Amino acid sequence: MGKLICDSTTSSPVIPWIDPSSAPSLETIDTTVGLADQASTATWENVSGLEDQQRRHLTRLHAKGVLWKHPEDQNTAVVFKLSHGGDVEADGNCLFTASKNAMGSTTDAKDLRRRTVRRFVEDLRSVSGVERQEIEKAIKHMYSPDLKSGWGIHVVQEVKLLAKKEDREGLDSAIDELAHLGMQRELAAESIYKERCIAVDDGPSWAKYMSIAGSPDDEYDIISLQYTEEGLLTVDENREGHAAAFGDDIAIECLATEFKREIFVVQAHGSDAMVDEENCVFFLPHRPRNEICGPPFFLFMKGTGWCGAGADHYEPLVAHPSLFVSQEKVAVVL
């Protein structure tokens, strides 16, 4: 795995990117332990937006560490002490930027996004018809939900559509035409976008959607229709084309598969989620679809109670390998 290096945004050591073609041994991880123990680490006291119960629990994770065992080789075990890896820009690319920093990779976030989409397309070709149906059912649920149900869980539901950049002028003309005929402009926009744009409801449309980084080079713009139980709430037309596709669980699994490493999203909930301190931090695992050839990496998400599923912003965690003493002395066994 090589020696620990420092990310340019933090003085904390990070686990460098691992070539999926070469599996690091536990011994190569152990060679980094001395450096990690001696290195200065950023404390959770400096991380903004945390409540006291979250801060105390996260500080304990760093002090005692979390125990990871290789799923196929229980004799391979490493304790990681977790610290915050620094803020990343909230530009819609945070999953990929945070993953880059957590891995210590020199690959940029846009390239990680491209590799994630390519991995998804390749894997989708190889799955059975039943498995593909399940994947596409999940995509449809996330981005083209059934607006007749789900209101017991969500106050607002969102439908994602893709508009080709080259078609925007024609779409605007069609919306204006309906508005001139007396239709309310937002309802006119909803009607035209639903009729002429691509719904994100299957594998190919997800790949198009997840390719969008909010840059002029994107082929598509994201259109977001928000609904309450009473009907249309608002239309986000994204006229500047700056909206990027936020990473989802499917994208995280594809990243895990691409790098042959488990990814753990560490989600810290505050008092608004009505959880006690012992249960305010959750580890959400994402396992690769292929073999595991390296240690995991970790992402951080500040959860909020109102949506139940956490925030939509990822930050990197720095995983410091530490000597394994005993399972009873660690904070969490993964």
Protein backbone atom coordinates (compact mmCIF):
# COMPACT_ATOMS: atom_id res chain seq x y z
CA MET A 1 0.00 0.00 0.00
CA GLY A 2 2.96 2.27 0.42
CA LYS A 3 3.67 4.95 2.97
CA LEU A 4 1.21 7.49 4.29
CA ILE A 5 1.02 10.72 2.39
CA CYS A 6 -0.60 14.03 3.17
CA ASP A 7 -3.52 15.47 1.24
CA SER A 8 -2.94 19.05 0.15
CA THR A 9 -6.00 20.23 2.13
CA THR A 10 -5.03 18.77 5.49
CA SER A 11 -2.00 18.02 7.60
CA SER A 12 -3.45 14.63 8.53
CA PRO A 13 -2.04 11.50 6.88
CA VAL A 14 -4.34 9.72 4.47
CA ILE A 15 -4.40 6.23 3.01
CA PRO A 16 -3.17 6.57 -0.57
CA TRP A 17 -5.05 5.30 -3.59
CA ILE A 18 -4.73 1.57 -4.15
CA ASP A 19 -4.36 0.04 -7.56
CA PRO A 20 -7.23 -2.48 -7.71
CA SER A 21 -4.96 -4.93 -9.54
CA SER A 22 -2.71 -5.33 -6.51
CA ALA A 23 -4.02 -6.45 -3.14
CA PRO A 24 -2.16 -4.93 -0.16
CA SER A 25 -1.42 -7.24 2.72
CA LEU A 26 -2.04 -6.53 6.38
CA GLU A 27 1.70 -6.25 6.81
CA THR A 28 1.92 -3.29 4.43
CA ILE A 29 -0.85 -1.59 6.39
CA ASP A 30 1.05 -2.24 9.62
CA THR A 31 4.12 -0.41 8.27
CA THR A 32 2.09 2.80 8.31
CA VAL A 33 0.94 2.49 11.92
CA GLY A 34 3.97 4.17 13.47
CA LEU A 35 3.64 7.16 11.18
CA ALA A 36 -0.08 7.45 11.85
CA ASP A 37 0.35 7.30 15.61
CA GLN A 38 3.02 10.00 15.53
CA ALA A 39 1.22 12.31 13.10
CA SER A 40 -0.66 15.37 14.25
CA THR A 41 -4.39 14.95 13.68
CA ALA A 42 -7.23 17.40 13.28
CA THR A 43 -9.60 17.20 16.23
CA TRP A 44 -13.37 16.98 15.95
CA GLU A 45 -13.53 20.17 18.00
CA ASN A 46 -12.67 22.14 14.86
CA VAL A 47 -15.48 20.68 12.71
CA SER A 48 -18.42 23.03 12.30
CA GLY A 49 -22.11 22.13 12.48
CA LEU A 50 -21.84 19.38 15.10
CA GLU A 51 -23.82 19.07 18.32
CA ASP A 52 -22.05 18.14 21.54
CA GLN A 53 -23.31 14.54 21.51
CA GLN A 54 -22.06 14.06 17.95
CA ARG A 55 -18.70 15.61 18.77
CA ARG A 56 -18.20 13.42 21.84
CA HIS A 57 -19.06 10.24 19.96
CA LEU A 58 -16.83 11.10 16.99
CA THR A 59 -13.95 11.98 19.31
CA ARG A 60 -14.35 8.53 20.85
CA LEU A 61 -14.14 6.95 17.38
CA HIS A 62 -10.81 8.66 16.86
CA ALA A 63 -9.46 7.83 20.31
CA LYS A 64 -10.44 4.13 20.38
CA GLY A 65 -10.75 3.37 16.67
CA VAL A 66 -13.02 1.11 14.65
CA LEU A 67 -12.18 -2.51 13.90
CA TRP A 68 -12.45 -3.67 10.29
CA LYS A 69 -12.15 -7.33 9.32
CA HIS A 70 -11.77 -8.46 5.74
CA PRO A 71 -15.16 -10.06 4.88
CA GLU A 72 -13.50 -13.06 3.20
CA ASP A 73 -10.52 -13.33 5.55
CA GLN A 74 -11.38 -12.79 9.21
CA ASN A 75 -7.68 -13.13 10.08
CA THR A 76 -7.07 -9.82 8.31
CA ALA A 77 -8.09 -7.14 10.80
CA VAL A 78 -7.13 -3.48 11.14
CA VAL A 79 -8.13 -0.78 13.60
CA PHE A 80 -8.68 2.64 12.04
CA LYS A 81 -8.82 5.87 14.00
CA LEU A 82 -11.10 8.29 12.16
CA SER A 83 -10.64 12.03 11.93
CA HIS A 84 -12.27 14.67 9.76
CA GLY A 85 -10.55 15.15 6.41
CA GLY A 86 -11.54 18.78 5.80
CA ASP A 87 -14.40 20.56 4.09
CA VAL A 88 -15.19 20.07 0.41
CA GLU A 89 -17.15 22.38 -1.84
CA ALA A 90 -20.92 21.92 -1.85
CA ASP A 91 -21.17 21.98 -5.64
CA GLY A 92 -22.97 18.69 -6.23
CA ASN A 93 -19.68 16.84 -6.77
CA CYS A 94 -19.03 16.34 -3.06
CA LEU A 95 -19.27 12.52 -3.12
CA PHE A 96 -16.48 12.32 -5.68
CA THR A 97 -14.36 15.09 -4.14
CA ALA A 98 -14.72 13.55 -0.68
CA SER A 99 -13.87 10.08 -2.04
CA LYS A 100 -10.80 11.47 -3.78
CA ASN A 101 -9.57 13.06 -0.55
CA ALA A 102 -10.46 10.05 1.61
CA MET A 103 -8.43 7.77 -0.69
CA GLY A 104 -5.59 10.25 -1.06
CA SER A 105 -6.03 9.96 -4.83
CA THR A 106 -4.54 12.31 -7.38
CA THR A 107 -7.45 11.55 -9.73
CA ASP A 108 -9.79 14.54 -9.96
CA ALA A 109 -13.45 14.39 -8.93
CA LYS A 110 -14.77 14.60 -12.49
CA ASP A 111 -12.70 11.60 -13.51
CA LEU A 112 -14.02 9.66 -10.51
CA ARG A 113 -17.54 10.54 -11.66
CA ARG A 114 -16.77 9.27 -15.18
CA ARG A 115 -15.27 6.05 -13.83
CA THR A 116 -18.31 5.53 -11.60
CA VAL A 117 -20.72 5.85 -14.53
CA ARG A 118 -18.58 3.61 -16.73
CA ARG A 119 -18.48 0.96 -14.01
CA PHE A 120 -22.26 1.14 -13.63
CA VAL A 121 -22.82 0.68 -17.38
CA GLU A 122 -20.42 -2.26 -17.54
CA ASP A 123 -21.95 -3.97 -14.50
CA LEU A 124 -25.51 -3.41 -15.73
CA ARG A 125 -24.71 -5.36 -18.90
CA SER A 126 -23.59 -8.36 -16.88
CA VAL A 127 -26.48 -8.69 -14.40
CA SER A 128 -29.50 -10.94 -14.80
CA GLY A 129 -32.85 -9.61 -15.94
CA VAL A 130 -34.29 -9.86 -12.42
CA GLU A 131 -31.37 -7.99 -10.85
CA ARG A 132 -31.54 -5.30 -13.52
CA GLN A 133 -35.23 -4.84 -12.78
CA GLU A 134 -34.45 -4.34 -9.09
CA ILE A 135 -31.76 -1.75 -9.88
CA GLU A 136 -34.05 0.15 -12.22
CA LYS A 137 -36.89 -0.05 -9.68
CA ALA A 138 -34.60 1.65 -7.14
CA ILE A 139 -33.65 4.34 -9.68
CA LYS A 140 -37.28 5.03 -10.49
CA HIS A 141 -38.15 5.24 -6.79
CA MET A 142 -35.40 7.83 -6.20
CA TYR A 143 -35.81 10.04 -9.25
CA SER A 144 -39.27 9.40 -10.72
CA PRO A 145 -41.32 8.54 -7.62
CA ASP A 146 -44.99 7.58 -7.64
CA LEU A 147 -46.65 10.84 -6.59
CA LYS A 148 -49.73 8.98 -5.41
CA SER A 149 -47.87 7.44 -2.47
CA GLY A 150 -45.00 8.10 -0.10
CA TRP A 151 -46.47 11.15 1.60
CA GLY A 152 -46.36 9.54 5.01
CA ILE A 153 -42.56 9.67 4.77
CA HIS A 154 -41.83 12.74 2.63
CA VAL A 155 -43.28 16.24 2.79
CA VAL A 156 -41.78 17.09 -0.61
CA GLN A 157 -41.01 14.66 -3.43
CA GLU A 158 -38.84 15.50 -6.41
CA VAL A 159 -38.91 14.32 -10.01
CA LYS A 160 -35.67 14.61 -12.01
CA LEU A 161 -35.70 15.21 -15.77
CA LEU A 162 -32.87 15.67 -18.26
CA ALA A 163 -32.98 18.44 -20.86
CA LYS A 164 -30.44 18.44 -23.70
CA LYS A 165 -28.54 21.71 -23.63
CA GLU A 166 -29.04 22.11 -27.35
CA ASP A 167 -32.83 21.81 -26.89
CA ARG A 168 -33.23 24.55 -24.27
CA GLU A 169 -34.19 27.27 -26.74
CA GLY A 170 -36.93 25.09 -28.24
CA LEU A 171 -38.20 24.13 -24.78
CA ASP A 172 -38.37 27.79 -23.76
CA SER A 173 -40.33 28.67 -26.91
CA ALA A 174 -42.85 25.90 -26.24
CA ILE A 175 -43.29 27.01 -22.62
CA ASP A 176 -43.78 30.64 -23.70
CA GLU A 177 -46.39 29.56 -26.22
CA LEU A 178 -48.45 27.82 -23.52
CA ALA A 179 -48.03 30.76 -21.17
CA HIS A 180 -49.30 33.16 -23.87
CA LEU A 181 -52.39 30.96 -24.18
CA GLY A 182 -53.15 31.65 -20.53
CA MET A 183 -51.53 28.71 -18.72
CA GLN A 184 -49.66 29.53 -15.52
CA ARG A 185 -45.97 29.56 -16.39
CA GLU A 186 -44.88 26.91 -13.86
CA LEU A 187 -47.61 24.54 -15.03
CA ALA A 188 -46.61 25.21 -18.64
CA ALA A 189 -42.98 24.42 -17.78
CA GLU A 190 -44.02 21.23 -15.98
CA SER A 191 -46.08 20.12 -18.98
CA ILE A 192 -43.36 20.75 -21.59
CA TYR A 193 -40.52 19.31 -19.54
CA LYS A 194 -42.44 16.11 -18.72
CA GLU A 195 -43.42 15.73 -22.38
CA ARG A 196 -40.06 16.44 -24.03
CA CYS A 197 -37.34 15.67 -21.47
CA ILE A 198 -35.86 12.37 -20.33
CA ALA A 199 -37.15 10.92 -17.06
CA VAL A 200 -34.51 9.37 -14.80
CA ASP A 201 -36.22 6.02 -14.38
CA ASP A 202 -33.90 3.30 -15.70
CA GLY A 203 -30.24 2.34 -16.12
CA PRO A 204 -29.41 4.32 -19.28
CA SER A 205 -31.08 7.49 -17.98
CA TRP A 206 -29.32 7.12 -14.60
CA ALA A 207 -25.98 6.94 -16.43
CA LYS A 208 -26.82 10.16 -18.31
CA TYR A 209 -27.95 11.82 -15.07
CA MET A 210 -24.95 10.77 -12.96
CA SER A 211 -22.58 12.03 -15.69
CA ILE A 212 -23.73 15.62 -15.05
CA ALA A 213 -21.10 17.59 -13.11
CA GLY A 214 -22.65 21.05 -13.50
CA SER A 215 -20.16 22.16 -16.15
CA PRO A 216 -20.59 23.60 -19.66
CA ASP A 217 -19.28 20.32 -21.06
CA ASP A 218 -22.32 18.38 -19.84
CA GLU A 219 -24.65 17.13 -22.57
CA TYR A 220 -27.72 17.55 -20.37
CA ASP A 221 -29.12 19.99 -17.80
CA ILE A 222 -31.01 18.75 -14.75
CA ILE A 223 -34.62 19.89 -14.38
CA SER A 224 -36.19 19.33 -10.95
CA LEU A 225 -39.94 19.28 -10.37
CA GLN A 226 -40.91 19.46 -6.70
CA TYR A 227 -44.30 18.29 -5.45
CA THR A 228 -46.29 18.31 -2.24
CA GLU A 229 -49.32 16.13 -1.69
CA GLU A 230 -51.44 19.02 -3.04
CA GLY A 231 -49.58 19.14 -6.36
CA LEU A 232 -46.74 21.00 -8.07
CA LEU A 233 -44.73 23.15 -5.65
CA THR A 234 -41.95 24.55 -7.83
CA VAL A 235 -39.93 24.01 -10.99
CA ASP A 236 -36.15 24.37 -10.83
CA GLU A 237 -35.24 25.05 -14.46
CA ASN A 238 -31.48 25.23 -13.80
CA ARG A 239 -31.05 27.84 -16.54
CA GLU A 240 -27.34 28.35 -15.85
CA GLY A 241 -26.69 24.61 -16.04
CA HIS A 242 -24.72 24.61 -12.77
CA ALA A 243 -26.65 21.79 -11.05
CA ALA A 244 -24.73 18.53 -10.72
CA ALA A 245 -26.08 15.06 -9.99
CA PHE A 246 -25.58 14.26 -6.31
CA GLY A 247 -24.01 10.89 -5.64
CA ASP A 248 -26.40 8.20 -4.39
CA ASP A 249 -26.07 4.69 -2.95
CA ILE A 250 -25.78 3.21 -6.44
CA ALA A 251 -22.87 5.52 -7.23
CA ILE A 252 -21.14 4.62 -3.95
CA GLU A 253 -21.44 0.89 -4.73
CA CYS A 254 -19.97 1.54 -8.19
CA LEU A 255 -17.05 3.44 -6.63
CA ALA A 256 -16.50 0.57 -4.21
CA THR A 257 -16.49 -1.89 -7.13
CA GLU A 258 -14.18 0.27 -9.24
CA PHE A 259 -11.54 0.38 -6.48
CA LYS A 260 -12.30 -3.05 -4.97
CA ARG A 261 -12.66 -1.51 -1.51
CA GLU A 262 -15.50 -1.26 0.95
CA ILE A 263 -16.83 2.25 1.56
CA PHE A 264 -18.40 3.17 4.89
CA VAL A 265 -20.56 6.27 5.14
CA VAL A 266 -20.38 7.51 8.73
CA GLN A 267 -23.60 9.35 9.42
CA ALA A 268 -23.84 11.47 12.59
CA HIS A 269 -27.33 12.42 13.74
CA GLY A 270 -28.14 15.28 16.10
CA SER A 271 -30.84 15.67 18.73
CA ASP A 272 -33.43 16.54 16.05
CA ALA A 273 -33.36 12.86 15.06
CA MET A 274 -34.37 11.92 18.62
CA VAL A 275 -31.53 9.46 19.15
CA ASP A 276 -29.38 9.12 22.24
CA GLU A 277 -25.64 9.64 22.20
CA GLU A 278 -24.78 5.94 21.96
CA ASN A 279 -26.82 5.65 18.77
CA CYS A 280 -26.14 9.01 17.13
CA VAL A 281 -23.49 7.66 14.73
CA PHE A 282 -24.27 5.05 12.06
CA PHE A 283 -21.90 3.16 9.76
CA LEU A 284 -23.55 2.48 6.41
CA PRO A 285 -21.50 -0.12 4.48
CA HIS A 286 -21.20 -0.30 0.70
CA ARG A 287 -19.50 -3.45 -0.50
CA PRO A 288 -18.01 -3.89 -3.99
CA ARG A 289 -19.65 -6.35 -6.36
CA ASN A 290 -16.28 -8.00 -6.91
CA GLU A 291 -13.42 -9.08 -4.66
CA ILE A 292 -12.01 -6.78 -1.97
CA CYS A 293 -8.36 -5.99 -2.62
CA GLY A 294 -7.67 -3.16 -0.19
CA PRO A 295 -8.68 -1.56 3.09
CA PRO A 296 -11.93 0.42 3.27
CA PHE A 297 -12.25 4.16 3.11
CA PHE A 298 -14.69 6.33 4.98
CA LEU A 299 -16.99 9.25 4.16
CA PHE A 300 -18.75 11.54 6.62
CA MET A 301 -22.29 12.87 6.51
CA LYS A 302 -23.97 15.12 9.06
CA GLY A 303 -27.43 13.62 9.37
CA THR A 304 -30.59 15.58 10.06
CA GLY A 305 -33.75 14.30 11.68
CA TRP A 306 -36.32 15.92 9.41
CA CYS A 307 -35.49 13.81 6.36
CA GLY A 308 -34.48 10.64 8.16
CA ALA A 309 -31.80 9.78 5.61
CA GLY A 310 -29.24 12.40 6.49
CA ALA A 311 -27.93 15.41 4.69
CA ASP A 312 -26.89 15.45 1.04
CA HIS A 313 -23.29 16.55 1.57
CA TYR A 314 -20.33 14.18 1.89
CA GLU A 315 -17.01 15.00 3.52
CA PRO A 316 -13.85 12.87 3.67
CA LEU A 317 -12.68 11.00 6.73
CA VAL A 318 -9.02 10.24 7.32
CA ALA A 319 -8.48 6.64 8.42
CA HIS A 320 -5.31 6.22 10.50
CA PRO A 321 -4.29 2.54 10.76
CA SER A 322 -3.53 1.58 14.35
CA LEU A 323 -2.24 -1.50 16.13
CA PHE A 324 -4.97 -4.05 16.92
CA VAL A 325 -5.03 -4.68 20.65
CA SER A 326 -8.36 -6.38 21.40
CA GLN A 327 -11.89 -6.26 20.04
CA GLU A 328 -13.23 -5.14 23.43
CA LYS A 329 -11.17 -1.95 23.45
CA VAL A 330 -12.32 -0.45 20.14
CA ALA A 331 -15.29 1.90 19.79
CA VAL A 332 -17.01 0.03 16.95
CA VAL A 333 -16.64 -3.36 15.26
CA LEU A 334 -17.63 -3.02 11.59
